[in-house]
Amino acid sequence: MARERKFSTDDLFQAAKQMLLSHGYEGFSFSALAEELEISRGAIYKYYENKEELITDYMLYEMEHFLTEIKEIELVEGFDAQFEFLINLIFKNSTIPPMIELGRRIPVNGNKKVKENNEKLEKLHLKMYDHLQGFISLGRQELKLKETLPDPLILGFIFQTIMIPNHFGISHSQWISSIKEMIRHGMLRNE
């Protein structure tokens, strides 16, 4: 019997990420993942009962990594600098929001591990907003944010901007600077 090729969790998660981004949830399978990693399906089944367990574990991994990075916003001085930091971090991790949306569509099907992972993901999502409360408070202190806008709306709006498709191939730098401009000043001319 041939020895099973070794693979790391990182190898598994990176291959899963690429497959999810290119084929979506419906196109994701252990067979295709095993082929990509040059391992047997059985090697994956040793760790995961089904694809939902694997996907939600991967999503937890990504979200925890993102939260580690987002905490660094507290080390940045001034609202404008924190805004730049946040936008750059969001675009650096642009696969997080689509993965969160994908995660919300994953059926639990009575699987205890998937249910637990989904609950953890929701808590981490809320924790992300908690970490950004200092950013919002600073924006209000420095009179940069309108006091009439609810905090969750501001943060949700910022995070959703990366979901806007760039159908016309505008350069990445122009795209990001235009998004920053629209968030800061809107799209209407001040006359």
Protein backbone atom coordinates (compact mmCIF):
# COMPACT_ATOMS: atom_id res chain seq x y z
CA MET A 1 0.00 0.00 0.00
CA ALA A 2 1.34 3.45 -0.94
CA ARG A 3 2.04 5.94 1.82
CA GLU A 4 -0.36 8.82 2.06
CA ARG A 5 1.13 12.17 1.01
CA LYS A 6 1.39 14.52 3.97
CA PHE A 7 -0.39 17.87 3.93
CA SER A 8 -0.68 20.68 6.43
CA THR A 9 -3.81 22.46 7.62
CA ASP A 10 -2.55 25.53 5.79
CA ASP A 11 -2.21 23.52 2.54
CA LEU A 12 -5.73 22.21 3.00
CA PHE A 13 -7.20 25.65 3.78
CA GLN A 14 -5.41 27.40 0.91
CA ALA A 15 -6.63 24.79 -1.58
CA ALA A 16 -10.15 25.02 -0.10
CA LYS A 17 -10.07 28.81 -0.40
CA GLN A 18 -9.07 28.71 -4.07
CA MET A 19 -11.72 26.13 -4.85
CA LEU A 20 -14.44 28.08 -3.03
CA LEU A 21 -13.49 31.31 -4.79
CA SER A 22 -13.41 29.73 -8.22
CA HIS A 23 -16.25 27.16 -7.96
CA GLY A 24 -18.39 28.33 -5.05
CA TYR A 25 -19.99 26.16 -2.41
CA GLU A 26 -21.87 24.02 -4.92
CA GLY A 27 -18.71 23.24 -6.91
CA PHE A 28 -16.66 22.37 -3.84
CA SER A 29 -16.07 18.67 -3.21
CA PHE A 30 -13.65 16.48 -1.32
CA SER A 31 -12.85 14.67 -4.56
CA ALA A 32 -11.69 17.84 -6.32
CA LEU A 33 -9.87 19.03 -3.19
CA ALA A 34 -8.08 15.69 -2.81
CA GLU A 35 -7.07 15.82 -6.48
CA GLU A 36 -5.72 19.35 -6.06
CA LEU A 37 -3.65 18.30 -3.03
CA GLU A 38 -2.66 14.97 -4.62
CA ILE A 39 -4.04 12.99 -1.69
CA SER A 40 -6.89 10.54 -1.24
CA ARG A 41 -10.36 11.64 -0.21
CA GLY A 42 -9.97 9.34 2.78
CA ALA A 43 -7.12 11.53 4.04
CA ILE A 44 -9.56 14.46 4.27
CA TYR A 45 -12.29 12.31 5.81
CA LYS A 46 -9.88 11.46 8.65
CA TYR A 47 -10.32 15.06 9.82
CA TYR A 48 -13.69 16.18 8.47
CA GLU A 49 -17.02 14.39 8.27
CA ASN A 50 -18.22 16.56 5.37
CA LYS A 51 -17.43 19.66 3.34
CA GLU A 52 -19.48 21.89 5.64
CA GLU A 53 -17.20 21.06 8.57
CA LEU A 54 -14.10 21.80 6.51
CA ILE A 55 -15.46 25.05 5.08
CA THR A 56 -16.58 26.40 8.44
CA ASP A 57 -13.25 25.42 10.03
CA TYR A 58 -11.46 27.25 7.22
CA MET A 59 -13.68 30.29 7.72
CA LEU A 60 -12.89 30.34 11.45
CA TYR A 61 -9.18 30.21 10.62
CA GLU A 62 -9.49 33.17 8.22
CA MET A 63 -11.64 35.22 10.57
CA GLU A 64 -9.30 34.69 13.54
CA HIS A 65 -6.36 35.77 11.39
CA PHE A 66 -8.27 38.86 10.23
CA LEU A 67 -9.18 39.76 13.83
CA THR A 68 -5.51 39.57 14.81
CA GLU A 69 -4.72 42.07 12.07
CA ILE A 70 -7.64 44.36 12.79
CA LYS A 71 -6.61 44.77 16.45
CA GLU A 72 -3.57 46.69 15.17
CA ILE A 73 -5.86 49.62 14.30
CA GLU A 74 -5.59 50.59 17.97
CA LEU A 75 -1.87 51.28 17.47
CA VAL A 76 -2.55 53.80 14.68
CA GLU A 77 -2.87 57.46 15.73
CA GLY A 78 -5.65 59.65 14.41
CA PHE A 79 -8.93 58.86 12.68
CA ASP A 80 -7.69 59.58 9.14
CA ALA A 81 -4.73 57.22 9.58
CA GLN A 82 -7.01 54.57 11.10
CA PHE A 83 -9.41 54.96 8.17
CA GLU A 84 -6.53 54.37 5.72
CA PHE A 85 -5.39 51.38 7.76
CA LEU A 86 -8.89 49.88 7.80
CA ILE A 87 -9.57 50.32 4.08
CA ASN A 88 -6.16 48.88 3.16
CA LEU A 89 -6.69 45.94 5.52
CA ILE A 90 -10.15 45.25 4.10
CA PHE A 91 -8.86 45.21 0.53
CA LYS A 92 -5.88 43.09 1.55
CA ASN A 93 -8.38 40.56 2.96
CA SER A 94 -11.01 41.02 0.27
CA THR A 95 -12.08 37.38 0.39
CA ILE A 96 -13.42 37.66 3.95
CA PRO A 97 -16.85 39.23 3.16
CA PRO A 98 -17.67 36.78 0.35
CA MET A 99 -16.69 33.93 2.66
CA ILE A 100 -18.95 35.31 5.41
CA GLU A 101 -21.83 35.42 2.92
CA LEU A 102 -21.01 31.90 1.75
CA GLY A 103 -20.92 30.75 5.37
CA ARG A 104 -24.42 32.02 5.97
CA ARG A 105 -25.69 29.72 3.18
CA ILE A 106 -24.03 26.55 4.47
CA PRO A 107 -26.67 24.09 5.71
CA VAL A 108 -26.14 22.79 9.23
CA ASN A 109 -28.06 19.53 8.54
CA GLY A 110 -27.96 18.51 12.19
CA ASN A 111 -24.14 18.50 12.21
CA LYS A 112 -23.04 19.59 15.69
CA LYS A 113 -19.56 20.72 14.57
CA VAL A 114 -20.95 22.89 11.75
CA LYS A 115 -23.50 24.44 14.12
CA GLU A 116 -20.76 25.20 16.67
CA ASN A 117 -18.52 26.69 13.97
CA ASN A 118 -21.35 28.89 12.68
CA GLU A 119 -22.02 30.14 16.21
CA LYS A 120 -18.30 30.90 16.67
CA LEU A 121 -18.25 32.74 13.33
CA GLU A 122 -21.16 34.94 14.38
CA LYS A 123 -19.38 35.75 17.66
CA LEU A 124 -16.16 36.59 15.79
CA HIS A 125 -18.10 38.79 13.39
CA LEU A 126 -19.52 40.74 16.35
CA LYS A 127 -16.07 40.81 17.97
CA MET A 128 -14.72 42.43 14.80
CA TYR A 129 -17.26 45.24 15.19
CA ASP A 130 -16.32 45.55 18.89
CA HIS A 131 -12.66 46.03 17.93
CA LEU A 132 -13.69 48.83 15.59
CA GLN A 133 -15.73 50.71 18.18
CA GLY A 134 -12.61 52.70 19.12
CA PHE A 135 -12.27 53.73 15.46
CA ILE A 136 -15.86 54.98 15.44
CA SER A 137 -15.47 56.75 18.79
CA LEU A 138 -12.31 58.47 17.57
CA GLY A 139 -14.08 59.58 14.39
CA ARG A 140 -16.83 61.11 16.49
CA GLN A 141 -14.34 62.74 18.90
CA GLU A 142 -12.45 64.33 16.02
CA LEU A 143 -15.81 65.42 14.49
CA LYS A 144 -15.11 63.43 11.31
CA LEU A 145 -18.25 61.26 11.46
CA LYS A 146 -21.81 62.52 11.35
CA GLU A 147 -23.43 61.99 14.74
CA THR A 148 -26.75 61.01 13.11
CA LEU A 149 -25.33 57.89 11.44
CA PRO A 150 -25.54 54.64 13.47
CA ASP A 151 -22.20 52.95 14.18
CA PRO A 152 -23.15 49.58 12.61
CA LEU A 153 -24.27 51.33 9.41
CA ILE A 154 -20.93 53.13 9.08
CA LEU A 155 -18.93 49.94 9.59
CA GLY A 156 -21.26 47.84 7.41
CA PHE A 157 -21.03 50.40 4.61
CA ILE A 158 -17.23 50.42 4.76
CA PHE A 159 -17.03 46.61 4.72
CA GLN A 160 -19.55 46.24 1.90
CA THR A 161 -17.57 48.48 -0.45
CA ILE A 162 -15.24 45.62 -1.29
CA MET A 163 -18.23 43.68 -2.60
CA ILE A 164 -18.76 46.25 -5.37
CA PRO A 165 -17.67 44.54 -8.60
CA ASN A 166 -15.09 46.30 -10.77
CA HIS A 167 -16.61 45.24 -14.11
CA PHE A 168 -14.74 47.81 -16.17
CA GLY A 169 -11.25 46.98 -14.96
CA ILE A 170 -10.47 50.29 -13.28
CA SER A 171 -6.94 50.10 -11.88
CA HIS A 172 -6.78 48.76 -8.33
CA SER A 173 -5.22 51.95 -6.93
CA GLN A 174 -7.79 54.20 -8.61
CA TRP A 175 -10.60 51.90 -7.49
CA ILE A 176 -9.51 52.04 -3.84
CA SER A 177 -8.86 55.80 -3.86
CA SER A 178 -12.30 56.38 -5.45
CA ILE A 179 -13.97 54.24 -2.80
CA LYS A 180 -12.15 56.17 -0.07
CA GLU A 181 -13.30 59.43 -1.67
CA MET A 182 -16.92 58.28 -1.82
CA ILE A 183 -16.90 57.11 1.79
CA ARG A 184 -15.33 60.37 2.98
CA HIS A 185 -17.25 62.86 0.84
CA GLY A 186 -20.06 61.09 -1.03
CA MET A 187 -20.56 61.27 -4.78
CA LEU A 188 -22.33 64.63 -5.05
CA ARG A 189 -20.43 67.81 -5.77
CA ASN A 190 -20.48 70.43 -3.05
CA GLU A 191 -21.82 73.56 -4.70
